[in-house]
Each structure stands twice: as structure tokens, then as C-alpha cells.
Amino acid sequence: MKALLTIFALVIPATAYADQCELVDDTVATNAIAAMHGHPKVVEYCEPCGDKAPGVPHTIEHVAKQRGTDGEYSVTLDKREVDLAYEYVQTAPSKYENIALLAGCPTSGVEPSLIVADATDTGVLIMPSDDPVQVALPPPVPAPQATTTIIVQTDRVNLWLIIAACIASTGLWALATIMILRRRRSMEAMRPRAIHLIDRRDA
């Protein structure tokens, strides 16, 4: 019975810490990708899982986020889904920082950063460190600036309307003149010829 309780005591804490930042919201996933932009070297180190030391650094070629059916997001490194709490990205030649903390996902039981010691005969030594990281926050939304709209109303004169009016007016005057001339001619044609004879005698 004691042996069974011991097994549960070892398994339950590891299970409790296993998935800390594997499923996150869109903001955290976006911040995580931004933290790895330009920093391709990543180290895995899961203290709650029983890792005695950080793993070997490897270069990531593909970083993406995927949306699950429940609306939460996961981050994949080289098409492999990871828990951001146990991934460290190299942000300086001698420092790796926890991606979850950089992205704004709270963690428990993990070191915030790793330091790179001088190279030895067997390679580079990477050790846990309690140096804090700068938690990435979403960029502030700029406040809307007050704008003043000035409306200038001008009376537009329709040039084509004026031209049409002038043409119509000229046409009416021309028509009136033609009608007057025609009336005079008709009146002269109907005038008796005797009147012309009287006028000549008087002359």
C-alpha cells in the first residue's frame, strides 16, 4: 500500500505541471511566435518532468500556431506541438529565456532563463538561472485622435445649363425676328396697288 501511495505521489505532481502553456489564447501564441522571430535556437528543459539538465540546443526552421476546436491555440515548432513552459529561446549569446514567460503565459516550477557557461572539452554548458525575463505584453492600442471636419459648401453653377439657356434665348429671338419680317412682307403684298399710284402722283 505504501508503495502504491509513493507511485501516486510521484505521478500526480508531474501530471499537474505537465500542461501549463500547451493550450493558450491567441495573444500568447502570437507573442510566442514574435519572441522566436529572429531567434531560431531553442532548448527544451522540463524540470517538473524530472529533467536533470537542459537539452541540446537545436535550430527551429518552422514556427506556427494552430487553433483548436475549443478556440484555444497551440504553438508548433517544426510541426511538433510543444508546451511553451518548457521551451527556451536564445535571446543573447549567453542566455536562453523561457518562451512562455516571454509570451505572457504564467508558469510554475520552471526557471525563467538559462545561462550559457564557457565552452568545455565536452561542449557548451547550459545551466538554469533565476534571472527574470521581460514579459511580452501586447502593444498598446493608440487612442483615437480628435479630428475636426470642416465642410465648405460652394454654389456650383452649371455651365451647360447657362449655355443651353443662351442658345434657347438666341433661338427665340431669331424666330421672333423671322416671324416679324414675314408678317411685314405679307402686309406689303396685300397693300393695294392704287396706293402706290397716288403716292407717285403726289410726288
C-alpha atoms as a PDB file:
ATOM      1  CA  MET A   1       0.000   0.000   0.000  1.00  0.00           C
ATOM      2  CA  LYS A   2       2.817   2.406   0.858  1.00  0.00           C
ATOM      3  CA  ALA A   3       4.483   1.618  -2.471  1.00  0.00           C
ATOM      4  CA  LEU A   4       1.253   2.471  -4.307  1.00  0.00           C
ATOM      5  CA  LEU A   5       0.956   5.779  -2.453  1.00  0.00           C
ATOM      6  CA  THR A   6       4.571   6.550  -3.330  1.00  0.00           C
ATOM      7  CA  ILE A   7       3.833   6.000  -7.033  1.00  0.00           C
ATOM      8  CA  PHE A   8       0.820   8.335  -6.865  1.00  0.00           C
ATOM      9  CA  ALA A   9       2.931  10.944  -5.068  1.00  0.00           C
ATOM     10  CA  LEU A  10       5.449  10.874  -7.880  1.00  0.00           C
ATOM     11  CA  VAL A  11       2.990  10.803 -10.740  1.00  0.00           C
ATOM     12  CA  ILE A  12       0.426  13.380  -9.604  1.00  0.00           C
ATOM     13  CA  PRO A  13       2.823  16.370  -9.298  1.00  0.00           C
ATOM     14  CA  ALA A  14       4.335  15.618 -12.696  1.00  0.00           C
ATOM     15  CA  THR A  15       0.879  15.399 -14.229  1.00  0.00           C
ATOM     16  CA  ALA A  16      -0.183  18.642 -12.580  1.00  0.00           C
ATOM     17  CA  TYR A  17       2.721  20.511 -14.146  1.00  0.00           C
ATOM     18  CA  ALA A  18       2.704  18.695 -17.468  1.00  0.00           C
ATOM     19  CA  ASP A  19       0.452  21.024 -19.478  1.00  0.00           C
ATOM     20  CA  GLN A  20       0.983  24.589 -18.347  1.00  0.00           C
ATOM     21  CA  CYS A  21       1.163  26.561 -21.579  1.00  0.00           C
ATOM     22  CA  GLU A  22       0.395  23.963 -24.219  1.00  0.00           C
ATOM     23  CA  LEU A  23      -3.039  25.455 -24.961  1.00  0.00           C
ATOM     24  CA  VAL A  24      -3.091  29.248 -24.852  1.00  0.00           C
ATOM     25  CA  ASP A  25      -5.100  32.133 -26.234  1.00  0.00           C
ATOM     26  CA  ASP A  26      -4.352  33.859 -29.498  1.00  0.00           C
ATOM     27  CA  THR A  27      -2.419  36.720 -27.877  1.00  0.00           C
ATOM     28  CA  VAL A  28       0.006  34.401 -26.074  1.00  0.00           C
ATOM     29  CA  ALA A  29       0.520  32.276 -29.193  1.00  0.00           C
ATOM     30  CA  THR A  30       1.216  35.381 -31.268  1.00  0.00           C
ATOM     31  CA  ASN A  31       3.644  36.729 -28.656  1.00  0.00           C
ATOM     32  CA  ALA A  32       5.460  33.397 -28.562  1.00  0.00           C
ATOM     33  CA  ILE A  33       5.970  33.411 -32.321  1.00  0.00           C
ATOM     34  CA  ALA A  34       7.149  37.019 -32.129  1.00  0.00           C
ATOM     35  CA  ALA A  35       9.643  36.106 -29.378  1.00  0.00           C
ATOM     36  CA  MET A  36      11.169  33.438 -31.617  1.00  0.00           C
ATOM     37  CA  HIS A  37      11.306  35.669 -34.670  1.00  0.00           C
ATOM     38  CA  GLY A  38      14.977  36.109 -35.497  1.00  0.00           C
ATOM     39  CA  HIS A  39      15.964  33.724 -32.693  1.00  0.00           C
ATOM     40  CA  PRO A  40      15.852  30.198 -34.133  1.00  0.00           C
ATOM     41  CA  LYS A  41      17.834  28.352 -31.438  1.00  0.00           C
ATOM     42  CA  VAL A  42      15.684  26.617 -28.828  1.00  0.00           C
ATOM     43  CA  VAL A  43      16.431  24.434 -25.798  1.00  0.00           C
ATOM     44  CA  GLU A  44      13.955  22.104 -24.087  1.00  0.00           C
ATOM     45  CA  TYR A  45      14.020  21.862 -20.312  1.00  0.00           C
ATOM     46  CA  CYS A  46      11.154  20.392 -18.264  1.00  0.00           C
ATOM     47  CA  GLU A  47      12.034  20.498 -14.594  1.00  0.00           C
ATOM     48  CA  PRO A  48       8.617  19.203 -13.404  1.00  0.00           C
ATOM     49  CA  CYS A  49       9.095  16.230 -15.729  1.00  0.00           C
ATOM     50  CA  GLY A  50      12.333  15.293 -13.962  1.00  0.00           C
ATOM     51  CA  ASP A  51      14.891  16.682 -16.441  1.00  0.00           C
ATOM     52  CA  LYS A  52      18.253  16.931 -14.691  1.00  0.00           C
ATOM     53  CA  ALA A  53      19.691  19.407 -17.173  1.00  0.00           C
ATOM     54  CA  PRO A  54      18.617  21.368 -20.267  1.00  0.00           C
ATOM     55  CA  GLY A  55      18.644  19.554 -23.579  1.00  0.00           C
ATOM     56  CA  VAL A  56      20.843  20.161 -26.584  1.00  0.00           C
ATOM     57  CA  PRO A  57      20.144  23.421 -28.488  1.00  0.00           C
ATOM     58  CA  HIS A  58      18.581  22.922 -31.861  1.00  0.00           C
ATOM     59  CA  THR A  59      17.607  25.287 -34.652  1.00  0.00           C
ATOM     60  CA  ILE A  60      13.914  25.702 -35.445  1.00  0.00           C
ATOM     61  CA  GLU A  61      13.027  26.083 -39.111  1.00  0.00           C
ATOM     62  CA  HIS A  62       9.249  26.385 -38.889  1.00  0.00           C
ATOM     63  CA  VAL A  63       7.109  28.083 -36.228  1.00  0.00           C
ATOM     64  CA  ALA A  64       3.315  28.256 -36.401  1.00  0.00           C
ATOM     65  CA  LYS A  65       0.169  28.450 -34.308  1.00  0.00           C
ATOM     66  CA  GLN A  66      -2.901  26.253 -34.696  1.00  0.00           C
ATOM     67  CA  ARG A  67      -6.431  26.891 -33.483  1.00  0.00           C
ATOM     68  CA  GLY A  68      -8.224  24.009 -31.823  1.00  0.00           C
ATOM     69  CA  THR A  69     -11.922  23.207 -31.878  1.00  0.00           C
ATOM     70  CA  ASP A  70     -12.306  24.742 -28.415  1.00  0.00           C
ATOM     71  CA  GLY A  71     -10.972  28.096 -29.619  1.00  0.00           C
ATOM     72  CA  GLU A  72      -7.595  27.790 -27.902  1.00  0.00           C
ATOM     73  CA  TYR A  73      -4.275  27.833 -29.730  1.00  0.00           C
ATOM     74  CA  SER A  74      -1.172  25.663 -29.696  1.00  0.00           C
ATOM     75  CA  VAL A  75       2.298  26.548 -30.948  1.00  0.00           C
ATOM     76  CA  THR A  76       4.191  24.106 -33.139  1.00  0.00           C
ATOM     77  CA  LEU A  77       7.953  24.016 -33.632  1.00  0.00           C
ATOM     78  CA  ASP A  78       8.889  22.195 -36.822  1.00  0.00           C
ATOM     79  CA  LYS A  79       5.286  20.919 -36.944  1.00  0.00           C
ATOM     80  CA  ARG A  80       5.577  19.494 -33.417  1.00  0.00           C
ATOM     81  CA  GLU A  81       3.192  20.782 -30.758  1.00  0.00           C
ATOM     82  CA  VAL A  82       5.056  21.940 -27.642  1.00  0.00           C
ATOM     83  CA  ASP A  83       4.376  23.317 -24.197  1.00  0.00           C
ATOM     84  CA  LEU A  84       5.785  26.829 -24.125  1.00  0.00           C
ATOM     85  CA  ALA A  85       6.582  26.491 -20.414  1.00  0.00           C
ATOM     86  CA  TYR A  86       9.394  24.045 -21.194  1.00  0.00           C
ATOM     87  CA  GLU A  87      10.873  25.765 -24.233  1.00  0.00           C
ATOM     88  CA  TYR A  88      13.689  28.300 -24.014  1.00  0.00           C
ATOM     89  CA  VAL A  89      14.757  30.559 -26.886  1.00  0.00           C
ATOM     90  CA  GLN A  90      18.230  32.036 -27.230  1.00  0.00           C
ATOM     91  CA  THR A  91      17.851  35.803 -26.898  1.00  0.00           C
ATOM     92  CA  ALA A  92      21.549  36.552 -26.331  1.00  0.00           C
ATOM     93  CA  PRO A  93      24.829  34.688 -26.936  1.00  0.00           C
ATOM     94  CA  SER A  94      24.948  33.594 -23.281  1.00  0.00           C
ATOM     95  CA  LYS A  95      21.258  33.455 -22.407  1.00  0.00           C
ATOM     96  CA  TYR A  96      18.100  31.477 -23.157  1.00  0.00           C
ATOM     97  CA  GLU A  97      14.730  32.750 -21.940  1.00  0.00           C
ATOM     98  CA  ASN A  98      11.526  30.881 -21.202  1.00  0.00           C
ATOM     99  CA  ILE A  99       9.153  31.311 -24.158  1.00  0.00           C
ATOM    100  CA  ALA A 100       6.016  31.046 -22.032  1.00  0.00           C
ATOM    101  CA  LEU A 101       7.121  33.920 -19.805  1.00  0.00           C
ATOM    102  CA  LEU A 102       8.174  35.971 -22.814  1.00  0.00           C
ATOM    103  CA  ALA A 103       4.727  35.413 -24.320  1.00  0.00           C
ATOM    104  CA  GLY A 104       2.852  36.267 -21.128  1.00  0.00           C
ATOM    105  CA  CYS A 105       1.753  32.778 -20.018  1.00  0.00           C
ATOM    106  CA  PRO A 106       2.270  32.225 -16.264  1.00  0.00           C
ATOM    107  CA  THR A 107       4.279  29.153 -15.268  1.00  0.00           C
ATOM    108  CA  SER A 108       5.011  27.225 -12.116  1.00  0.00           C
ATOM    109  CA  GLY A 109       8.049  25.206 -11.136  1.00  0.00           C
ATOM    110  CA  VAL A 110      10.240  26.285 -14.070  1.00  0.00           C
ATOM    111  CA  GLU A 111      13.287  28.527 -14.273  1.00  0.00           C
ATOM    112  CA  PRO A 112      12.736  31.811 -16.117  1.00  0.00           C
ATOM    113  CA  SER A 113      16.014  31.575 -18.021  1.00  0.00           C
ATOM    114  CA  LEU A 114      19.113  29.517 -18.778  1.00  0.00           C
ATOM    115  CA  ILE A 115      22.681  30.769 -18.910  1.00  0.00           C
ATOM    116  CA  VAL A 116      25.408  29.531 -21.221  1.00  0.00           C
ATOM    117  CA  ALA A 117      28.747  28.948 -19.498  1.00  0.00           C
ATOM    118  CA  ASP A 118      32.108  28.870 -21.222  1.00  0.00           C
ATOM    119  CA  ALA A 119      32.734  26.040 -23.626  1.00  0.00           C
ATOM    120  CA  THR A 120      34.403  22.952 -22.199  1.00  0.00           C
ATOM    121  CA  ASP A 121      36.054  19.906 -23.704  1.00  0.00           C
ATOM    122  CA  THR A 122      32.696  18.162 -23.839  1.00  0.00           C
ATOM    123  CA  GLY A 123      30.756  21.123 -25.277  1.00  0.00           C
ATOM    124  CA  VAL A 124      28.881  24.173 -24.074  1.00  0.00           C
ATOM    125  CA  LEU A 125      27.424  24.051 -20.565  1.00  0.00           C
ATOM    126  CA  ILE A 126      23.877  25.410 -20.181  1.00  0.00           C
ATOM    127  CA  MET A 127      22.598  25.857 -16.641  1.00  0.00           C
ATOM    128  CA  PRO A 128      19.300  27.036 -15.104  1.00  0.00           C
ATOM    129  CA  SER A 129      19.138  30.603 -13.865  1.00  0.00           C
ATOM    130  CA  ASP A 130      16.641  32.635 -11.883  1.00  0.00           C
ATOM    131  CA  ASP A 131      17.273  35.773 -13.934  1.00  0.00           C
ATOM    132  CA  PRO A 132      13.868  37.269 -14.736  1.00  0.00           C
ATOM    133  CA  VAL A 133      12.709  37.821 -18.287  1.00  0.00           C
ATOM    134  CA  GLN A 134      10.907  40.774 -19.782  1.00  0.00           C
ATOM    135  CA  VAL A 135       7.333  39.570 -20.138  1.00  0.00           C
ATOM    136  CA  ALA A 136       5.999  40.453 -23.561  1.00  0.00           C
ATOM    137  CA  LEU A 137       2.828  42.496 -23.474  1.00  0.00           C
ATOM    138  CA  PRO A 138       0.533  43.225 -26.403  1.00  0.00           C
ATOM    139  CA  PRO A 139       1.243  46.589 -27.972  1.00  0.00           C
ATOM    140  CA  PRO A 140      -0.953  49.381 -26.597  1.00  0.00           C
ATOM    141  CA  VAL A 141      -3.865  50.412 -28.732  1.00  0.00           C
ATOM    142  CA  PRO A 142      -3.434  54.073 -29.693  1.00  0.00           C
ATOM    143  CA  ALA A 143      -6.221  56.331 -28.511  1.00  0.00           C
ATOM    144  CA  PRO A 144      -8.328  57.772 -31.299  1.00  0.00           C
ATOM    145  CA  GLN A 145      -7.291  61.306 -32.097  1.00  0.00           C
ATOM    146  CA  ALA A 146      -9.902  64.042 -32.206  1.00  0.00           C
ATOM    147  CA  THR A 147     -10.412  65.276 -35.699  1.00  0.00           C
ATOM    148  CA  THR A 148     -12.193  68.392 -36.889  1.00  0.00           C
ATOM    149  CA  THR A 149     -14.123  68.150 -40.116  1.00  0.00           C
ATOM    150  CA  ILE A 150     -14.674  71.384 -41.996  1.00  0.00           C
ATOM    151  CA  ILE A 151     -17.399  71.330 -44.611  1.00  0.00           C
ATOM    152  CA  VAL A 152     -17.184  74.074 -47.213  1.00  0.00           C
ATOM    153  CA  GLN A 153     -20.308  74.425 -49.314  1.00  0.00           C
ATOM    154  CA  THR A 154     -19.979  76.234 -52.592  1.00  0.00           C
ATOM    155  CA  ASP A 155     -22.700  77.106 -55.080  1.00  0.00           C
ATOM    156  CA  ARG A 156     -21.792  75.388 -58.281  1.00  0.00           C
ATOM    157  CA  VAL A 157     -23.062  76.982 -61.477  1.00  0.00           C
ATOM    158  CA  ASN A 158     -23.990  74.543 -64.173  1.00  0.00           C
ATOM    159  CA  LEU A 159     -22.155  75.853 -67.213  1.00  0.00           C
ATOM    160  CA  TRP A 160     -24.026  73.617 -69.619  1.00  0.00           C
ATOM    161  CA  LEU A 161     -27.333  74.911 -68.281  1.00  0.00           C
ATOM    162  CA  ILE A 162     -26.255  78.502 -68.932  1.00  0.00           C
ATOM    163  CA  ILE A 163     -25.108  77.643 -72.462  1.00  0.00           C
ATOM    164  CA  ALA A 164     -28.385  75.863 -73.184  1.00  0.00           C
ATOM    165  CA  ALA A 165     -30.337  78.861 -71.868  1.00  0.00           C
ATOM    166  CA  CYS A 166     -28.335  81.248 -74.068  1.00  0.00           C
ATOM    167  CA  ILE A 167     -28.898  79.085 -77.127  1.00  0.00           C
ATOM    168  CA  ALA A 168     -32.581  78.829 -76.403  1.00  0.00           C
ATOM    169  CA  SER A 169     -32.841  82.593 -75.892  1.00  0.00           C
ATOM    170  CA  THR A 170     -30.967  83.308 -79.132  1.00  0.00           C
ATOM    171  CA  GLY A 171     -33.184  80.876 -80.995  1.00  0.00           C
ATOM    172  CA  LEU A 172     -36.329  82.542 -79.685  1.00  0.00           C
ATOM    173  CA  TRP A 173     -35.080  85.966 -80.727  1.00  0.00           C
ATOM    174  CA  ALA A 174     -34.189  84.663 -84.189  1.00  0.00           C
ATOM    175  CA  LEU A 175     -37.597  83.029 -84.549  1.00  0.00           C
ATOM    176  CA  ALA A 176     -39.365  86.196 -83.440  1.00  0.00           C
ATOM    177  CA  THR A 177     -37.366  88.263 -85.945  1.00  0.00           C
ATOM    178  CA  ILE A 178     -38.199  85.894 -88.788  1.00  0.00           C
ATOM    179  CA  MET A 179     -41.897  85.986 -87.927  1.00  0.00           C
ATOM    180  CA  ILE A 180     -41.890  89.804 -87.849  1.00  0.00           C
ATOM    181  CA  LEU A 181     -40.169  90.017 -91.254  1.00  0.00           C
ATOM    182  CA  ARG A 182     -42.569  87.523 -92.753  1.00  0.00           C
ATOM    183  CA  ARG A 183     -45.548  89.483 -91.414  1.00  0.00           C
ATOM    184  CA  ARG A 184     -44.235  92.707 -92.898  1.00  0.00           C
ATOM    185  CA  ARG A 185     -43.746  91.066 -96.278  1.00  0.00           C
ATOM    186  CA  SER A 186     -47.245  89.651 -96.240  1.00  0.00           C
ATOM    187  CA  MET A 187     -48.695  93.011 -95.285  1.00  0.00           C
ATOM    188  CA  GLU A 188     -46.818  94.741 -98.110  1.00  0.00           C
ATOM    189  CA  ALA A 189     -48.018  92.111-100.573  1.00  0.00           C
ATOM    190  CA  MET A 190     -51.642  92.718 -99.552  1.00  0.00           C
ATOM    191  CA  ARG A 191     -51.362  96.521 -99.854  1.00  0.00           C
ATOM    192  CA  PRO A 192     -53.475  97.868-102.825  1.00  0.00           C
ATOM    193  CA  ARG A 193     -51.507  98.983-105.858  1.00  0.00           C
ATOM    194  CA  ALA A 194     -53.596 102.160-106.187  1.00  0.00           C
ATOM    195  CA  ILE A 195     -51.976 103.499-103.092  1.00  0.00           C
ATOM    196  CA  HIS A 196     -48.641 103.346-104.894  1.00  0.00           C
ATOM    197  CA  LEU A 197     -50.069 105.284-107.847  1.00  0.00           C
ATOM    198  CA  ILE A 198     -51.446 108.030-105.559  1.00  0.00           C
ATOM    199  CA  ASP A 199     -48.091 108.277-103.891  1.00  0.00           C
ATOM    200  CA  ARG A 200     -46.367 108.733-107.260  1.00  0.00           C
ATOM    201  CA  ARG A 201     -48.774 111.471-108.405  1.00  0.00           C
ATOM    202  CA  ASP A 202     -48.252 113.391-105.266  1.00  0.00           C
ATOM    203  CA  ALA A 203     -44.577 113.148-105.823  1.00  0.00           C
END
